[in-house]
Amino acid sequence: MNSSYINEAPEVVKDFLGYMQNIKGKSQKTVDEYYLDLRTFFRYIKVLKGRADADEEFDKIPIDDIDIALIKTISLTDIYSFMDYSIKERQNNAKTRSRKTSSIKSFFSYIANKKCLIAVNPAEELEVPKVKKSLPKFLTLEQSIELLNSVDGKYKERDYCILTIFLNCGLRLSELVGLNINDVNLNSGVMAVTGKGDKQRIVYLNDACVDALKSYISVRPNDTKDKKALFISRINKRMGTQAVQDVVYKYLKKIGLDGNGYSVHKLRHTAATLMYQHGNVDIRVLQEMLGHENLGTTEIYTHLSSKQLENAAAANPLSKIKSRGGK
């Protein structure tokens, strides 16, 4: 866990964060969000319960002295008071408040049900704010092809491969950055992807991906500082998230889509949308392919065959698009 937790968090919070990361397999980002949400919550509780001076700078109030005795005094009314504070004083939107609510509910469920430190869970009936769902933004098939055809320059094989994998496989940015060359098996047409919580899944590579990977690997630098990394930067080391984002934004700008809300993550939406709209791919197969965690469909996932996942990759309408200068 982040070293700041060791110094700033009380033991009960540290235990909770460790449980969420090591037992539940939550990603570092999610664990960080849990901590930040709980830190804000307990700072508010200390002020509310007279354990901190109301005139003290809020963001400097320590929480390392939070103990079970104080936690046992927290009521559902106190929690709703915090949510009201989040709206009026911190101007948190519904999405942020929904996340904070989930963090609080998870924490109290842990100390009540897993650790049995409190007899009554005050957050059990806490309602999560409804978040208005908006349709994800994505590129059309025509825009996707235009984006691929816009690739040029010294690193054209690498850049084309990056865009092809995003648009055909729907990887997250962190997943693509974390790819190692040994994760790719061009003979069997599969790629091992490490997703959230270090969970691995197999992604099937269609013709376009195999072609793009072959072209890139044939020119990939051998004297790189990171022998394992698949994608190498101009300074001969593994490409970081910012470097990959810069590549994507460069070509989005080239086709006039910069400043319109398009991003690396929107390429992930594009892959899923194109397969669903044009390939008649079952939504459950897409969830498996994209590595979405959904407890309600976990059992269904276990019955999905590898052939279905392979067919999903091949169903992407971009699967036959190859670099104009490709080999």
Protein backbone atom coordinates (compact mmCIF):
# COMPACT_ATOMS: atom_id res chain seq x y z
CA MET A 1 0.00 0.00 0.00
CA ASN A 2 0.94 3.65 -0.33
CA SER A 3 3.48 4.58 2.36
CA SER A 4 1.41 7.61 3.41
CA TYR A 5 -1.18 5.21 4.87
CA ILE A 6 1.41 3.94 7.33
CA ASN A 7 1.89 7.40 8.80
CA GLU A 8 -1.57 8.93 8.48
CA ALA A 9 -4.17 6.16 8.82
CA PRO A 10 -5.40 4.61 12.08
CA GLU A 11 -4.93 0.86 12.45
CA VAL A 12 -8.56 0.01 11.71
CA VAL A 13 -8.40 1.87 8.38
CA LYS A 14 -5.07 0.28 7.50
CA ASP A 15 -6.57 -3.14 8.15
CA PHE A 16 -9.53 -2.33 5.92
CA LEU A 17 -7.32 -1.08 3.07
CA GLY A 18 -5.12 -4.15 3.32
CA TYR A 19 -8.19 -6.38 3.18
CA MET A 20 -9.57 -4.62 0.09
CA GLN A 21 -6.25 -4.82 -1.73
CA ASN A 22 -4.92 -8.21 -0.70
CA ILE A 23 -8.10 -10.23 -0.18
CA LYS A 24 -10.63 -8.53 -2.45
CA GLY A 25 -8.01 -7.80 -5.13
CA LYS A 26 -8.84 -4.12 -5.55
CA SER A 27 -6.42 -2.04 -7.62
CA GLN A 28 -4.03 0.47 -6.05
CA LYS A 29 -6.10 3.31 -7.52
CA THR A 30 -9.29 2.00 -5.91
CA VAL A 31 -7.55 1.52 -2.55
CA ASP A 32 -6.20 5.08 -2.77
CA GLU A 33 -9.75 6.35 -3.37
CA TYR A 34 -11.04 4.39 -0.36
CA TYR A 35 -8.38 5.99 1.81
CA LEU A 36 -8.98 9.55 0.59
CA ASP A 37 -12.74 9.19 1.02
CA LEU A 38 -12.39 7.80 4.55
CA ARG A 39 -9.84 10.46 5.48
CA THR A 40 -12.29 13.22 4.51
CA PHE A 41 -15.12 11.43 6.31
CA PHE A 42 -13.21 10.99 9.57
CA ARG A 43 -11.94 14.57 9.49
CA TYR A 44 -15.58 15.67 9.31
CA ILE A 45 -16.57 13.27 12.11
CA LYS A 46 -13.81 14.65 14.36
CA VAL A 47 -15.13 18.18 13.89
CA LEU A 48 -18.73 17.01 14.32
CA LYS A 49 -17.92 15.14 17.54
CA GLY A 50 -15.77 17.92 19.00
CA ARG A 51 -12.53 15.96 18.57
CA ALA A 52 -11.08 18.70 16.34
CA ASP A 53 -11.32 22.47 16.40
CA ALA A 54 -13.88 23.74 13.88
CA ASP A 55 -11.51 26.62 13.11
CA GLU A 56 -8.64 24.25 12.31
CA GLU A 57 -7.72 23.94 8.64
CA PHE A 58 -9.86 21.00 7.54
CA ASP A 59 -7.37 19.42 5.14
CA LYS A 60 -4.72 19.28 7.87
CA ILE A 61 -6.78 17.50 10.51
CA PRO A 62 -5.01 14.21 11.37
CA ILE A 63 -7.00 10.98 11.56
CA ASP A 64 -4.39 8.67 13.06
CA ASP A 65 -6.14 8.93 16.45
CA ILE A 66 -9.47 7.54 15.18
CA ASP A 67 -10.41 4.58 17.38
CA ILE A 68 -13.28 2.12 17.73
CA ALA A 69 -14.72 4.08 20.65
CA LEU A 70 -15.25 7.10 18.37
CA ILE A 71 -16.47 4.94 15.47
CA LYS A 72 -19.13 3.38 17.73
CA THR A 73 -20.65 6.86 18.26
CA ILE A 74 -21.23 7.38 14.52
CA SER A 75 -24.87 7.16 13.48
CA LEU A 76 -26.64 7.05 10.13
CA THR A 77 -27.65 10.67 10.77
CA ASP A 78 -23.98 11.59 11.13
CA ILE A 79 -23.19 9.95 7.81
CA TYR A 80 -26.01 11.78 6.06
CA SER A 81 -24.73 14.98 7.65
CA PHE A 82 -21.37 14.27 6.03
CA MET A 83 -23.02 13.73 2.65
CA ASP A 84 -24.82 17.08 3.06
CA TYR A 85 -21.46 18.67 3.86
CA SER A 86 -20.01 17.06 0.72
CA ILE A 87 -22.67 18.79 -1.38
CA LYS A 88 -22.73 22.22 0.24
CA GLU A 89 -19.13 22.73 1.29
CA ARG A 90 -17.14 20.57 -1.13
CA GLN A 91 -19.48 20.84 -4.13
CA ASN A 92 -19.18 17.11 -4.81
CA ASN A 93 -21.24 15.90 -7.74
CA ALA A 94 -23.44 12.79 -7.63
CA LYS A 95 -20.69 10.55 -9.00
CA THR A 96 -18.18 11.63 -6.33
CA ARG A 97 -20.78 11.32 -3.56
CA SER A 98 -21.73 7.88 -4.85
CA ARG A 99 -18.10 6.78 -4.60
CA LYS A 100 -17.76 8.21 -1.07
CA THR A 101 -20.95 6.47 -0.02
CA SER A 102 -19.63 3.16 -1.35
CA SER A 103 -16.33 3.67 0.49
CA ILE A 104 -18.12 4.32 3.77
CA LYS A 105 -20.51 1.39 3.33
CA SER A 106 -17.61 -0.96 2.52
CA PHE A 107 -15.63 0.19 5.55
CA PHE A 108 -18.49 -0.23 8.04
CA SER A 109 -19.45 -3.58 6.51
CA TYR A 110 -15.86 -4.75 7.01
CA ILE A 111 -15.59 -3.74 10.67
CA ALA A 112 -19.09 -5.02 11.45
CA ASN A 113 -19.15 -8.31 9.55
CA LYS A 114 -15.51 -9.29 9.07
CA LYS A 115 -13.88 -7.93 12.22
CA CYS A 116 -16.97 -7.81 14.49
CA LEU A 117 -15.72 -4.58 16.05
CA ILE A 118 -19.17 -2.96 16.17
CA ALA A 119 -22.54 -4.53 16.97
CA VAL A 120 -24.59 -2.22 14.73
CA ASN A 121 -23.62 -1.11 11.23
CA PRO A 122 -24.82 2.52 10.90
CA ALA A 123 -24.19 2.53 7.13
CA GLU A 124 -26.24 -0.57 6.39
CA GLU A 125 -29.27 1.47 5.30
CA LEU A 126 -27.21 4.24 3.72
CA GLU A 127 -28.52 4.89 0.22
CA VAL A 128 -26.12 5.45 -2.66
CA PRO A 129 -26.86 8.64 -4.65
CA LYS A 130 -28.17 7.88 -8.11
CA VAL A 131 -25.74 8.78 -10.87
CA LYS A 132 -27.19 9.80 -14.20
CA LYS A 133 -25.84 7.38 -16.76
CA SER A 134 -24.65 8.95 -19.99
CA LEU A 135 -23.90 7.12 -23.19
CA PRO A 136 -20.16 6.57 -23.64
CA LYS A 137 -18.56 8.60 -26.40
CA PHE A 138 -17.01 6.58 -29.20
CA LEU A 139 -15.68 6.87 -32.73
CA THR A 140 -17.78 5.72 -35.64
CA LEU A 141 -16.48 2.98 -37.92
CA GLU A 142 -15.55 5.62 -40.50
CA GLN A 143 -13.72 7.76 -37.93
CA SER A 144 -11.88 4.69 -36.63
CA ILE A 145 -10.62 3.81 -40.09
CA GLU A 146 -9.64 7.44 -40.68
CA LEU A 147 -7.69 7.43 -37.39
CA LEU A 148 -5.78 4.30 -38.42
CA ASN A 149 -5.06 5.68 -41.87
CA SER A 150 -3.66 8.91 -40.39
CA VAL A 151 -0.65 7.18 -38.84
CA ASP A 152 2.75 8.14 -40.23
CA GLY A 153 6.21 9.21 -39.13
CA LYS A 154 9.28 7.56 -37.65
CA TYR A 155 7.27 5.43 -35.19
CA LYS A 156 4.39 4.58 -37.54
CA GLU A 157 4.55 0.80 -36.95
CA ARG A 158 4.45 1.27 -33.17
CA ASP A 159 1.76 3.94 -33.23
CA TYR A 160 -0.40 1.99 -35.66
CA CYS A 161 -0.09 -1.10 -33.47
CA ILE A 162 -1.13 0.85 -30.36
CA LEU A 163 -4.22 2.27 -32.05
CA THR A 164 -5.10 -1.11 -33.57
CA ILE A 165 -4.97 -2.88 -30.21
CA PHE A 166 -7.05 -0.18 -28.51
CA LEU A 167 -9.69 -0.24 -31.26
CA ASN A 168 -9.85 -4.01 -31.65
CA CYS A 169 -9.21 -5.34 -28.15
CA GLY A 170 -10.63 -2.56 -25.99
CA LEU A 171 -7.72 -2.53 -23.53
CA ARG A 172 -7.48 -0.01 -20.71
CA LEU A 173 -4.57 2.45 -20.90
CA SER A 174 -2.83 0.83 -17.91
CA GLU A 175 -3.25 -2.62 -19.49
CA LEU A 176 -1.61 -1.60 -22.75
CA VAL A 177 1.25 0.17 -20.97
CA GLY A 178 1.85 -2.93 -18.85
CA LEU A 179 2.10 -5.33 -21.81
CA ASN A 180 5.32 -7.31 -22.07
CA ILE A 181 6.57 -8.81 -25.31
CA ASN A 182 6.21 -12.30 -23.83
CA ASP A 183 2.51 -11.63 -23.22
CA VAL A 184 1.93 -11.85 -26.97
CA ASN A 185 1.74 -15.20 -28.75
CA LEU A 186 1.35 -14.54 -32.45
CA ASN A 187 1.35 -18.24 -33.34
CA SER A 188 -1.77 -18.95 -31.30
CA GLY A 189 -3.18 -15.44 -31.75
CA VAL A 190 -3.67 -14.64 -28.08
CA MET A 191 -2.44 -12.01 -25.65
CA ALA A 192 -2.26 -12.18 -21.84
CA VAL A 193 -3.57 -8.96 -20.32
CA THR A 194 -3.19 -7.94 -16.68
CA GLY A 195 -6.20 -5.89 -15.62
CA LYS A 196 -7.47 -4.29 -12.42
CA GLY A 197 -6.39 -5.98 -9.23
CA ASP A 198 -3.66 -7.82 -11.17
CA LYS A 199 -6.30 -10.13 -12.64
CA GLN A 200 -5.18 -11.76 -15.87
CA ARG A 201 -7.35 -12.54 -18.86
CA ILE A 202 -6.72 -13.87 -22.35
CA VAL A 203 -7.55 -11.60 -25.28
CA TYR A 204 -7.85 -13.10 -28.73
CA LEU A 205 -6.06 -11.27 -31.53
CA ASN A 206 -7.82 -10.86 -34.84
CA ASP A 207 -6.05 -10.53 -38.20
CA ALA A 208 -5.57 -6.78 -37.90
CA CYS A 209 -3.90 -7.09 -34.49
CA VAL A 210 -1.61 -9.92 -35.58
CA ASP A 211 -0.58 -7.99 -38.68
CA ALA A 212 0.07 -4.79 -36.72
CA LEU A 213 2.04 -6.61 -34.03
CA LYS A 214 4.21 -8.43 -36.59
CA SER A 215 5.01 -5.15 -38.34
CA TYR A 216 5.87 -3.40 -35.08
CA ILE A 217 7.87 -6.24 -33.52
CA SER A 218 9.99 -6.44 -36.68
CA VAL A 219 11.21 -2.87 -36.04
CA ARG A 220 11.04 -2.82 -32.22
CA PRO A 221 14.40 -1.70 -30.74
CA ASN A 222 16.50 -4.54 -29.34
CA ASP A 223 18.80 -2.35 -27.23
CA THR A 224 15.98 -1.08 -25.05
CA LYS A 225 16.44 -0.34 -21.35
CA ASP A 226 13.41 -2.51 -20.60
CA LYS A 227 13.85 -5.85 -22.36
CA LYS A 228 10.42 -7.07 -21.29
CA ALA A 229 8.29 -4.09 -22.40
CA LEU A 230 6.28 -4.46 -25.59
CA PHE A 231 5.93 -0.78 -26.47
CA ILE A 232 9.16 1.22 -26.40
CA SER A 233 9.38 5.00 -26.21
CA ARG A 234 11.67 7.30 -28.19
CA ILE A 235 14.10 7.28 -25.24
CA ASN A 236 14.36 3.49 -25.41
CA LYS A 237 12.33 2.46 -22.38
CA ARG A 238 8.79 1.25 -21.66
CA MET A 239 6.20 3.76 -22.78
CA GLY A 240 4.36 5.34 -19.86
CA THR A 241 0.70 6.35 -19.74
CA GLN A 242 1.43 9.93 -20.76
CA ALA A 243 3.51 8.85 -23.76
CA VAL A 244 0.70 6.58 -25.01
CA GLN A 245 -1.87 9.32 -24.44
CA ASP A 246 0.28 11.70 -26.46
CA VAL A 247 0.34 9.24 -29.35
CA VAL A 248 -3.44 8.87 -29.34
CA TYR A 249 -4.10 12.61 -29.01
CA LYS A 250 -1.64 13.30 -31.84
CA TYR A 251 -3.69 11.30 -34.33
CA LEU A 252 -7.07 12.37 -32.94
CA LYS A 253 -5.94 15.95 -33.56
CA LYS A 254 -4.77 15.02 -37.03
CA ILE A 255 -8.28 13.92 -38.04
CA GLY A 256 -9.94 16.85 -36.26
CA LEU A 257 -11.28 15.06 -33.19
CA ASP A 258 -9.17 16.82 -30.56
CA GLY A 259 -11.06 18.95 -28.05
CA ASN A 260 -14.29 17.00 -28.61
CA GLY A 261 -14.15 14.83 -25.52
CA TYR A 262 -12.32 11.97 -27.21
CA SER A 263 -9.57 10.22 -25.30
CA VAL A 264 -7.69 6.95 -24.94
CA HIS A 265 -10.55 5.51 -22.90
CA LYS A 266 -12.98 6.42 -25.68
CA LEU A 267 -11.09 4.02 -27.96
CA ARG A 268 -12.00 1.28 -25.47
CA HIS A 269 -15.65 2.34 -25.77
CA THR A 270 -15.25 2.32 -29.53
CA ALA A 271 -14.00 -1.26 -29.63
CA ALA A 272 -16.90 -2.49 -27.51
CA THR A 273 -19.50 -0.48 -29.42
CA LEU A 274 -18.31 -1.56 -32.87
CA MET A 275 -18.29 -5.23 -31.91
CA TYR A 276 -21.74 -4.95 -30.33
CA GLN A 277 -23.32 -2.90 -33.13
CA HIS A 278 -21.66 -4.49 -36.15
CA GLY A 279 -20.66 -7.93 -34.94
CA ASN A 280 -23.77 -9.02 -33.03
CA VAL A 281 -21.53 -9.97 -30.13
CA ASP A 282 -23.32 -11.02 -26.94
CA ILE A 283 -22.97 -8.33 -24.26
CA ARG A 284 -21.82 -10.96 -21.73
CA VAL A 285 -18.95 -11.92 -24.03
CA LEU A 286 -17.98 -8.27 -24.28
CA GLN A 287 -17.89 -7.93 -20.51
CA GLU A 288 -15.56 -10.92 -20.32
CA MET A 289 -13.38 -9.61 -23.12
CA LEU A 290 -13.10 -6.13 -21.60
CA GLY A 291 -12.33 -7.46 -18.13
CA HIS A 292 -15.31 -5.81 -16.43
CA GLU A 293 -15.92 -6.95 -12.85
CA ASN A 294 -19.61 -7.60 -12.30
CA LEU A 295 -20.60 -9.92 -9.48
CA GLY A 296 -24.06 -10.43 -10.90
CA THR A 297 -22.71 -12.09 -14.03
CA THR A 298 -19.68 -13.91 -12.62
CA GLU A 299 -21.40 -17.29 -12.88
CA ILE A 300 -22.38 -16.59 -16.48
CA TYR A 301 -18.75 -15.76 -17.30
CA THR A 302 -17.61 -19.18 -16.20
CA HIS A 303 -19.78 -20.79 -18.88
CA LEU A 304 -18.53 -18.65 -21.75
CA SER A 305 -16.40 -20.69 -24.12
CA SER A 306 -13.02 -19.61 -25.45
CA LYS A 307 -14.45 -19.93 -28.95
CA GLN A 308 -17.02 -17.24 -28.20
CA LEU A 309 -14.26 -14.88 -27.09
CA GLU A 310 -12.23 -15.68 -30.19
CA ASN A 311 -15.28 -15.01 -32.38
CA ALA A 312 -15.85 -11.70 -30.58
CA ALA A 313 -12.37 -10.51 -31.57
CA ALA A 314 -12.86 -11.61 -35.17
CA ALA A 315 -16.29 -9.92 -35.28
CA ASN A 316 -14.78 -6.44 -34.87
CA PRO A 317 -15.30 -4.73 -38.26
CA LEU A 318 -11.76 -3.34 -38.01
CA SER A 319 -10.26 -6.85 -37.87
CA LYS A 320 -9.39 -6.81 -41.58
CA ILE A 321 -8.01 -3.26 -41.68
CA LYS A 322 -4.25 -3.33 -42.12
CA SER A 323 -1.64 -0.61 -42.37
CA ARG A 324 -1.32 0.78 -45.87
CA GLY A 325 2.44 0.49 -45.44
CA GLY A 326 2.23 -2.72 -43.46
CA LYS A 327 4.14 -5.88 -44.25
